[in-house]
Amino acid sequence: MRVCGKNVFNELDYKSVRKILIADNFKDKNIINKIKENKLKYIITDSKIMDKMMPHNQGIIIDIDDFEYASLDSIGDESLVLMLDHLEDPHNFGAIIRTCEAAGVKSIIIPKDRGVIVNETVMKTSSGALNHVNIIMVTNLVNAINKLKSQGYFVYAADMDGDDYRHVDYANKVLLIIGNEGNGISKIISNNSDEIVSIPMRGTINSLNASVAAAILIYGIGE
């Protein structure tokens, strides 16, 4: 997988780096020193060629190992776990990862098909938070829900027609589910949830960006 940008490089686990392309006009001495100190393989490349490969690369493109997803068994005795029901926008995903890291949420569950995966956009948007949050990919969300229920988790799905999240008495172990940007929570996920929660809307807009809704609920539940 290829990623780019100075911040992305600074947050990488250098063990995952295969090689680095550095633009012939690149002038960041700190990054160049890190590359040499860690004995990373690099190639000086024409900046115009790099711009065609990946626009807005800031003069550095990094070829890294494919992202390794965690397993459902990696979830320990965590008080809050997040599940994304076929989220599609990688920018939303990256922002949610950042929120989870900031709030101390250690695990995010995503489906294998028809949803976001960890790619270069997610890595760039998450700004290093990806290194501190387990991303768990599962083949079946309902099976994952049932497994977590058997471990004592109570399942709360976010949807417009639910109970005001501020007035809910939350369990000690919470699985919070955020839906797709366009369609929200799928019916099968809703049917397998213990309670539906919502964020009250006072304006004319009837929904929030998925990453904003996730942030409000993560911090609201954690209070």
C-alpha atoms as a PDB file:
ATOM      1  CA  MET A   1       0.000   0.000   0.000  1.00  0.00           C
ATOM      2  CA  ARG A   2       1.196   3.502  -0.808  1.00  0.00           C
ATOM      3  CA  VAL A   3       0.710   6.459   1.501  1.00  0.00           C
ATOM      4  CA  CYS A   4       2.096   9.966   1.350  1.00  0.00           C
ATOM      5  CA  GLY A   5       2.727  13.118   3.325  1.00  0.00           C
ATOM      6  CA  LYS A   6       5.068  14.300   6.051  1.00  0.00           C
ATOM      7  CA  ASN A   7       2.708  13.729   8.981  1.00  0.00           C
ATOM      8  CA  VAL A   8       1.905  10.226   7.764  1.00  0.00           C
ATOM      9  CA  PHE A   9       5.614   9.390   7.576  1.00  0.00           C
ATOM     10  CA  ASN A  10       6.287  10.754  11.065  1.00  0.00           C
ATOM     11  CA  GLU A  11       3.520   8.581  12.545  1.00  0.00           C
ATOM     12  CA  LEU A  12       4.426   5.344  10.750  1.00  0.00           C
ATOM     13  CA  ASP A  13       5.854   2.227  12.310  1.00  0.00           C
ATOM     14  CA  TYR A  14       9.098   2.161  10.348  1.00  0.00           C
ATOM     15  CA  LYS A  15       9.135  -1.628  10.431  1.00  0.00           C
ATOM     16  CA  SER A  16       6.286  -1.560   7.900  1.00  0.00           C
ATOM     17  CA  VAL A  17       8.180   0.612   5.403  1.00  0.00           C
ATOM     18  CA  ARG A  18       9.325  -1.110   2.219  1.00  0.00           C
ATOM     19  CA  LYS A  19      10.728   1.866   0.353  1.00  0.00           C
ATOM     20  CA  ILE A  20      10.350   5.625   0.130  1.00  0.00           C
ATOM     21  CA  LEU A  21      10.201   7.969  -2.839  1.00  0.00           C
ATOM     22  CA  ILE A  22      11.594  11.419  -2.075  1.00  0.00           C
ATOM     23  CA  ALA A  23      11.077  14.318  -4.474  1.00  0.00           C
ATOM     24  CA  ASP A  24      14.196  15.824  -5.986  1.00  0.00           C
ATOM     25  CA  ASN A  25      13.200  19.202  -4.466  1.00  0.00           C
ATOM     26  CA  PHE A  26      12.395  17.813  -0.992  1.00  0.00           C
ATOM     27  CA  LYS A  27      13.962  19.959   1.741  1.00  0.00           C
ATOM     28  CA  ASP A  28      12.744  18.553   5.082  1.00  0.00           C
ATOM     29  CA  LYS A  29      16.038  17.724   6.795  1.00  0.00           C
ATOM     30  CA  ASN A  30      14.358  16.155   9.848  1.00  0.00           C
ATOM     31  CA  ILE A  31      12.608  13.549   7.723  1.00  0.00           C
ATOM     32  CA  ILE A  32      15.713  12.884   5.651  1.00  0.00           C
ATOM     33  CA  ASN A  33      17.696  12.354   8.866  1.00  0.00           C
ATOM     34  CA  LYS A  34      15.034   9.938  10.201  1.00  0.00           C
ATOM     35  CA  ILE A  35      15.177   7.965   6.961  1.00  0.00           C
ATOM     36  CA  LYS A  36      18.948   7.652   7.176  1.00  0.00           C
ATOM     37  CA  GLU A  37      19.041   6.963  10.920  1.00  0.00           C
ATOM     38  CA  ASN A  38      16.536   4.119  10.529  1.00  0.00           C
ATOM     39  CA  LYS A  39      18.335   2.821   7.421  1.00  0.00           C
ATOM     40  CA  LEU A  40      15.190   2.960   5.314  1.00  0.00           C
ATOM     41  CA  LYS A  41      15.420   2.344   1.598  1.00  0.00           C
ATOM     42  CA  TYR A  42      14.740   5.507  -0.396  1.00  0.00           C
ATOM     43  CA  ILE A  43      14.850   6.676  -4.007  1.00  0.00           C
ATOM     44  CA  ILE A  44      15.221  10.284  -5.187  1.00  0.00           C
ATOM     45  CA  THR A  45      12.466  10.792  -7.766  1.00  0.00           C
ATOM     46  CA  ASP A  46      11.301  13.546 -10.121  1.00  0.00           C
ATOM     47  CA  SER A  47       8.618  15.535  -8.300  1.00  0.00           C
ATOM     48  CA  LYS A  48       6.416  15.690 -11.420  1.00  0.00           C
ATOM     49  CA  ILE A  49       6.370  11.899 -11.640  1.00  0.00           C
ATOM     50  CA  MET A  50       5.429  11.698  -7.960  1.00  0.00           C
ATOM     51  CA  ASP A  51       2.599  14.208  -8.426  1.00  0.00           C
ATOM     52  CA  LYS A  52       1.126  11.978 -11.124  1.00  0.00           C
ATOM     53  CA  MET A  53       1.386   8.969  -8.820  1.00  0.00           C
ATOM     54  CA  MET A  54      -0.200  10.645  -5.776  1.00  0.00           C
ATOM     55  CA  PRO A  55      -1.263  14.312  -5.812  1.00  0.00           C
ATOM     56  CA  HIS A  56      -0.571  16.461  -2.738  1.00  0.00           C
ATOM     57  CA  ASN A  57       2.201  14.116  -1.602  1.00  0.00           C
ATOM     58  CA  GLN A  58       4.320  16.859   0.080  1.00  0.00           C
ATOM     59  CA  GLY A  59       7.407  15.418  -1.575  1.00  0.00           C
ATOM     60  CA  ILE A  60       7.302  11.984   0.033  1.00  0.00           C
ATOM     61  CA  ILE A  61       5.544   8.746  -0.931  1.00  0.00           C
ATOM     62  CA  ILE A  62       5.968   5.659   1.241  1.00  0.00           C
ATOM     63  CA  ASP A  63       5.419   2.074   0.152  1.00  0.00           C
ATOM     64  CA  ILE A  64       4.354   0.120   3.254  1.00  0.00           C
ATOM     65  CA  ASP A  65       3.107  -3.344   4.116  1.00  0.00           C
ATOM     66  CA  ASP A  66      -0.631  -3.908   3.776  1.00  0.00           C
ATOM     67  CA  PHE A  67      -2.555  -3.019   6.916  1.00  0.00           C
ATOM     68  CA  GLU A  68      -3.033  -5.861   9.388  1.00  0.00           C
ATOM     69  CA  TYR A  69      -6.506  -6.047  10.897  1.00  0.00           C
ATOM     70  CA  ALA A  70      -7.033  -7.313  14.424  1.00  0.00           C
ATOM     71  CA  SER A  71      -9.388 -10.170  15.324  1.00  0.00           C
ATOM     72  CA  LEU A  72     -12.532 -10.068  17.439  1.00  0.00           C
ATOM     73  CA  ASP A  73     -10.644 -12.043  20.072  1.00  0.00           C
ATOM     74  CA  SER A  74      -8.323  -9.050  20.575  1.00  0.00           C
ATOM     75  CA  ILE A  75     -11.095  -7.198  22.418  1.00  0.00           C
ATOM     76  CA  GLY A  76     -10.371  -7.311  26.110  1.00  0.00           C
ATOM     77  CA  ASP A  77     -12.450  -6.039  29.021  1.00  0.00           C
ATOM     78  CA  GLU A  78     -13.194  -2.732  27.284  1.00  0.00           C
ATOM     79  CA  SER A  79     -16.046  -0.513  28.456  1.00  0.00           C
ATOM     80  CA  LEU A  80     -16.868   0.846  24.978  1.00  0.00           C
ATOM     81  CA  VAL A  81     -16.416  -0.810  21.574  1.00  0.00           C
ATOM     82  CA  LEU A  82     -17.449   0.861  18.310  1.00  0.00           C
ATOM     83  CA  MET A  83     -18.965  -0.872  15.287  1.00  0.00           C
ATOM     84  CA  LEU A  84     -19.474   0.758  11.870  1.00  0.00           C
ATOM     85  CA  ASP A  85     -22.414  -0.573   9.855  1.00  0.00           C
ATOM     86  CA  HIS A  86     -21.091  -0.310   6.280  1.00  0.00           C
ATOM     87  CA  LEU A  87     -19.658   3.186   6.533  1.00  0.00           C
ATOM     88  CA  GLU A  88     -18.453   4.293   3.087  1.00  0.00           C
ATOM     89  CA  ASP A  89     -16.462   7.539   3.381  1.00  0.00           C
ATOM     90  CA  PRO A  90     -12.766   7.045   4.244  1.00  0.00           C
ATOM     91  CA  HIS A  91     -12.569  10.626   5.543  1.00  0.00           C
ATOM     92  CA  ASN A  92     -15.335   9.852   8.030  1.00  0.00           C
ATOM     93  CA  PHE A  93     -13.542   6.658   8.996  1.00  0.00           C
ATOM     94  CA  GLY A  94     -10.264   8.474   9.599  1.00  0.00           C
ATOM     95  CA  ALA A  95     -11.992  11.130  11.694  1.00  0.00           C
ATOM     96  CA  ILE A  96     -13.756   8.453  13.754  1.00  0.00           C
ATOM     97  CA  ILE A  97     -10.435   6.700  14.391  1.00  0.00           C
ATOM     98  CA  ARG A  98      -9.001   9.989  15.676  1.00  0.00           C
ATOM     99  CA  THR A  99     -11.976  10.486  17.994  1.00  0.00           C
ATOM    100  CA  CYS A 100     -11.677   6.931  19.318  1.00  0.00           C
ATOM    101  CA  GLU A 101      -7.985   7.353  20.071  1.00  0.00           C
ATOM    102  CA  ALA A 102      -8.616  10.669  21.834  1.00  0.00           C
ATOM    103  CA  ALA A 103     -11.483   9.196  23.880  1.00  0.00           C
ATOM    104  CA  GLY A 104      -9.615   6.013  24.810  1.00  0.00           C
ATOM    105  CA  VAL A 105     -11.736   3.667  22.669  1.00  0.00           C
ATOM    106  CA  LYS A 106      -9.403   0.878  21.621  1.00  0.00           C
ATOM    107  CA  SER A 107     -11.453  -1.213  19.152  1.00  0.00           C
ATOM    108  CA  ILE A 108     -13.463  -0.456  15.998  1.00  0.00           C
ATOM    109  CA  ILE A 109     -15.298  -3.243  14.158  1.00  0.00           C
ATOM    110  CA  ILE A 110     -15.970  -2.997  10.410  1.00  0.00           C
ATOM    111  CA  PRO A 111     -17.476  -5.469   7.902  1.00  0.00           C
ATOM    112  CA  LYS A 112     -15.326  -7.164   5.291  1.00  0.00           C
ATOM    113  CA  ASP A 113     -17.605  -6.244   2.386  1.00  0.00           C
ATOM    114  CA  ARG A 114     -19.449  -3.121   1.229  1.00  0.00           C
ATOM    115  CA  GLY A 115     -17.727  -0.675   3.520  1.00  0.00           C
ATOM    116  CA  VAL A 116     -14.605   1.343   4.191  1.00  0.00           C
ATOM    117  CA  ILE A 117     -11.229  -0.291   4.599  1.00  0.00           C
ATOM    118  CA  VAL A 118      -7.930   1.105   5.817  1.00  0.00           C
ATOM    119  CA  ASN A 119      -6.377   2.866   2.829  1.00  0.00           C
ATOM    120  CA  GLU A 120      -4.091   5.842   2.238  1.00  0.00           C
ATOM    121  CA  THR A 121      -6.944   8.342   2.796  1.00  0.00           C
ATOM    122  CA  VAL A 122      -7.851   6.778   6.141  1.00  0.00           C
ATOM    123  CA  MET A 123      -4.223   6.758   7.235  1.00  0.00           C
ATOM    124  CA  LYS A 124      -3.766  10.415   6.309  1.00  0.00           C
ATOM    125  CA  THR A 125      -7.053  11.561   7.885  1.00  0.00           C
ATOM    126  CA  SER A 126      -6.485   9.653  11.115  1.00  0.00           C
ATOM    127  CA  SER A 127      -3.165  11.503  11.607  1.00  0.00           C
ATOM    128  CA  GLY A 128      -1.334   8.723  13.409  1.00  0.00           C
ATOM    129  CA  ALA A 129      -4.262   7.591  15.589  1.00  0.00           C
ATOM    130  CA  LEU A 130      -4.456   4.396  13.536  1.00  0.00           C
ATOM    131  CA  ASN A 131      -1.363   3.128  15.340  1.00  0.00           C
ATOM    132  CA  HIS A 132      -3.223   3.177  18.659  1.00  0.00           C
ATOM    133  CA  VAL A 133      -6.650   1.741  17.755  1.00  0.00           C
ATOM    134  CA  ASN A 134      -7.434  -1.864  16.806  1.00  0.00           C
ATOM    135  CA  ILE A 135      -9.368  -2.089  13.542  1.00  0.00           C
ATOM    136  CA  ILE A 136     -11.229  -5.402  13.502  1.00  0.00           C
ATOM    137  CA  MET A 137     -12.613  -6.713  10.218  1.00  0.00           C
ATOM    138  CA  VAL A 138     -15.351  -9.363  10.405  1.00  0.00           C
ATOM    139  CA  THR A 139     -17.276 -11.275   7.751  1.00  0.00           C
ATOM    140  CA  ASN A 140     -20.623 -10.927   9.547  1.00  0.00           C
ATOM    141  CA  LEU A 141     -21.632  -8.045  11.806  1.00  0.00           C
ATOM    142  CA  VAL A 142     -24.544  -9.904  13.410  1.00  0.00           C
ATOM    143  CA  ASN A 143     -22.283 -12.782  14.424  1.00  0.00           C
ATOM    144  CA  ALA A 144     -19.882 -10.257  15.938  1.00  0.00           C
ATOM    145  CA  ILE A 145     -22.747  -8.608  17.822  1.00  0.00           C
ATOM    146  CA  ASN A 146     -23.885 -11.945  19.233  1.00  0.00           C
ATOM    147  CA  LYS A 147     -20.371 -12.848  20.327  1.00  0.00           C
ATOM    148  CA  LEU A 148     -19.972  -9.560  22.171  1.00  0.00           C
ATOM    149  CA  LYS A 149     -23.417  -9.996  23.753  1.00  0.00           C
ATOM    150  CA  SER A 150     -22.238 -13.332  25.118  1.00  0.00           C
ATOM    151  CA  GLN A 151     -19.333 -11.440  26.700  1.00  0.00           C
ATOM    152  CA  GLY A 152     -21.649  -9.066  28.518  1.00  0.00           C
ATOM    153  CA  TYR A 153     -21.924  -6.210  26.037  1.00  0.00           C
ATOM    154  CA  PHE A 154     -25.171  -4.264  25.664  1.00  0.00           C
ATOM    155  CA  VAL A 155     -25.783  -3.050  22.101  1.00  0.00           C
ATOM    156  CA  TYR A 156     -26.792   0.526  21.308  1.00  0.00           C
ATOM    157  CA  ALA A 157     -27.437   1.496  17.675  1.00  0.00           C
ATOM    158  CA  ALA A 158     -27.587   5.156  16.644  1.00  0.00           C
ATOM    159  CA  ASP A 159     -30.629   6.146  14.605  1.00  0.00           C
ATOM    160  CA  MET A 160     -32.969   9.145  14.238  1.00  0.00           C
ATOM    161  CA  ASP A 161     -35.969   7.425  15.815  1.00  0.00           C
ATOM    162  CA  GLY A 162     -34.282   6.275  19.010  1.00  0.00           C
ATOM    163  CA  ASP A 163     -34.263   7.466  22.598  1.00  0.00           C
ATOM    164  CA  ASP A 164     -32.412  10.687  23.419  1.00  0.00           C
ATOM    165  CA  TYR A 165     -28.879   9.470  24.141  1.00  0.00           C
ATOM    166  CA  ARG A 166     -28.594  11.881  27.087  1.00  0.00           C
ATOM    167  CA  HIS A 167     -31.422  10.149  28.967  1.00  0.00           C
ATOM    168  CA  VAL A 168     -30.277   6.553  28.564  1.00  0.00           C
ATOM    169  CA  ASP A 169     -28.886   4.532  31.470  1.00  0.00           C
ATOM    170  CA  TYR A 170     -25.941   2.771  29.829  1.00  0.00           C
ATOM    171  CA  ALA A 171     -24.589  -0.641  30.733  1.00  0.00           C
ATOM    172  CA  ASN A 172     -21.060  -1.150  32.000  1.00  0.00           C
ATOM    173  CA  LYS A 173     -20.001  -2.697  28.684  1.00  0.00           C
ATOM    174  CA  VAL A 174     -21.245  -0.891  25.571  1.00  0.00           C
ATOM    175  CA  LEU A 175     -21.176  -1.811  21.895  1.00  0.00           C
ATOM    176  CA  LEU A 176     -22.069   1.381  20.003  1.00  0.00           C
ATOM    177  CA  ILE A 177     -23.073   1.045  16.341  1.00  0.00           C
ATOM    178  CA  ILE A 178     -22.908   3.901  13.824  1.00  0.00           C
ATOM    179  CA  GLY A 179     -24.699   3.457  10.506  1.00  0.00           C
ATOM    180  CA  ASN A 180     -24.052   4.144   6.866  1.00  0.00           C
ATOM    181  CA  GLU A 181     -23.868   7.822   5.803  1.00  0.00           C
ATOM    182  CA  GLY A 182     -26.888   7.587   3.521  1.00  0.00           C
ATOM    183  CA  ASN A 183     -29.068   4.804   4.899  1.00  0.00           C
ATOM    184  CA  GLY A 184     -28.173   4.738   8.565  1.00  0.00           C
ATOM    185  CA  ILE A 185     -28.427   1.506  10.544  1.00  0.00           C
ATOM    186  CA  SER A 186     -29.541  -1.493   8.498  1.00  0.00           C
ATOM    187  CA  LYS A 187     -32.712  -3.288   9.575  1.00  0.00           C
ATOM    188  CA  ILE A 188     -30.913  -6.501  10.536  1.00  0.00           C
ATOM    189  CA  ILE A 189     -28.504  -4.567  12.767  1.00  0.00           C
ATOM    190  CA  SER A 190     -31.375  -2.627  14.325  1.00  0.00           C
ATOM    191  CA  ASN A 191     -33.241  -5.869  15.031  1.00  0.00           C
ATOM    192  CA  ASN A 192     -30.186  -7.281  16.799  1.00  0.00           C
ATOM    193  CA  SER A 193     -29.570  -4.209  18.942  1.00  0.00           C
ATOM    194  CA  ASP A 194     -30.743  -3.861  22.525  1.00  0.00           C
ATOM    195  CA  GLU A 195     -31.624  -0.169  22.312  1.00  0.00           C
ATOM    196  CA  ILE A 196     -31.775   2.569  19.665  1.00  0.00           C
ATOM    197  CA  VAL A 197     -30.351   5.949  20.672  1.00  0.00           C
ATOM    198  CA  SER A 198     -30.525   9.282  18.883  1.00  0.00           C
ATOM    199  CA  ILE A 199     -29.050  12.772  19.005  1.00  0.00           C
ATOM    200  CA  PRO A 200     -31.760  15.453  19.318  1.00  0.00           C
ATOM    201  CA  MET A 201     -31.900  17.792  16.314  1.00  0.00           C
ATOM    202  CA  ARG A 202     -33.144  21.358  16.801  1.00  0.00           C
ATOM    203  CA  GLY A 203     -32.401  22.777  13.361  1.00  0.00           C
ATOM    204  CA  THR A 204     -33.886  22.128   9.936  1.00  0.00           C
ATOM    205  CA  ILE A 205     -31.266  19.475   9.071  1.00  0.00           C
ATOM    206  CA  ASN A 206     -32.381  16.031  10.245  1.00  0.00           C
ATOM    207  CA  SER A 207     -29.021  14.250  10.421  1.00  0.00           C
ATOM    208  CA  LEU A 208     -25.353  14.742  11.259  1.00  0.00           C
ATOM    209  CA  ASN A 209     -22.170  13.673   9.541  1.00  0.00           C
ATOM    210  CA  ALA A 210     -21.337  10.129  10.693  1.00  0.00           C
ATOM    211  CA  SER A 211     -18.025  11.136  12.268  1.00  0.00           C
ATOM    212  CA  VAL A 212     -19.653  14.031  14.150  1.00  0.00           C
ATOM    213  CA  ALA A 213     -22.458  11.784  15.417  1.00  0.00           C
ATOM    214  CA  ALA A 214     -19.910   9.182  16.500  1.00  0.00           C
ATOM    215  CA  ALA A 215     -17.910  11.785  18.416  1.00  0.00           C
ATOM    216  CA  ILE A 216     -20.971  13.130  20.242  1.00  0.00           C
ATOM    217  CA  LEU A 217     -22.124   9.644  21.261  1.00  0.00           C
ATOM    218  CA  ILE A 218     -18.685   8.328  22.219  1.00  0.00           C
ATOM    219  CA  TYR A 219     -18.091  11.234  24.583  1.00  0.00           C
ATOM    220  CA  GLY A 220     -21.712  11.336  25.736  1.00  0.00           C
ATOM    221  CA  ILE A 221     -21.745   7.665  26.677  1.00  0.00           C
ATOM    222  CA  GLY A 222     -18.318   7.895  28.274  1.00  0.00           C
ATOM    223  CA  GLU A 223     -19.315  10.648  30.695  1.00  0.00           C
END
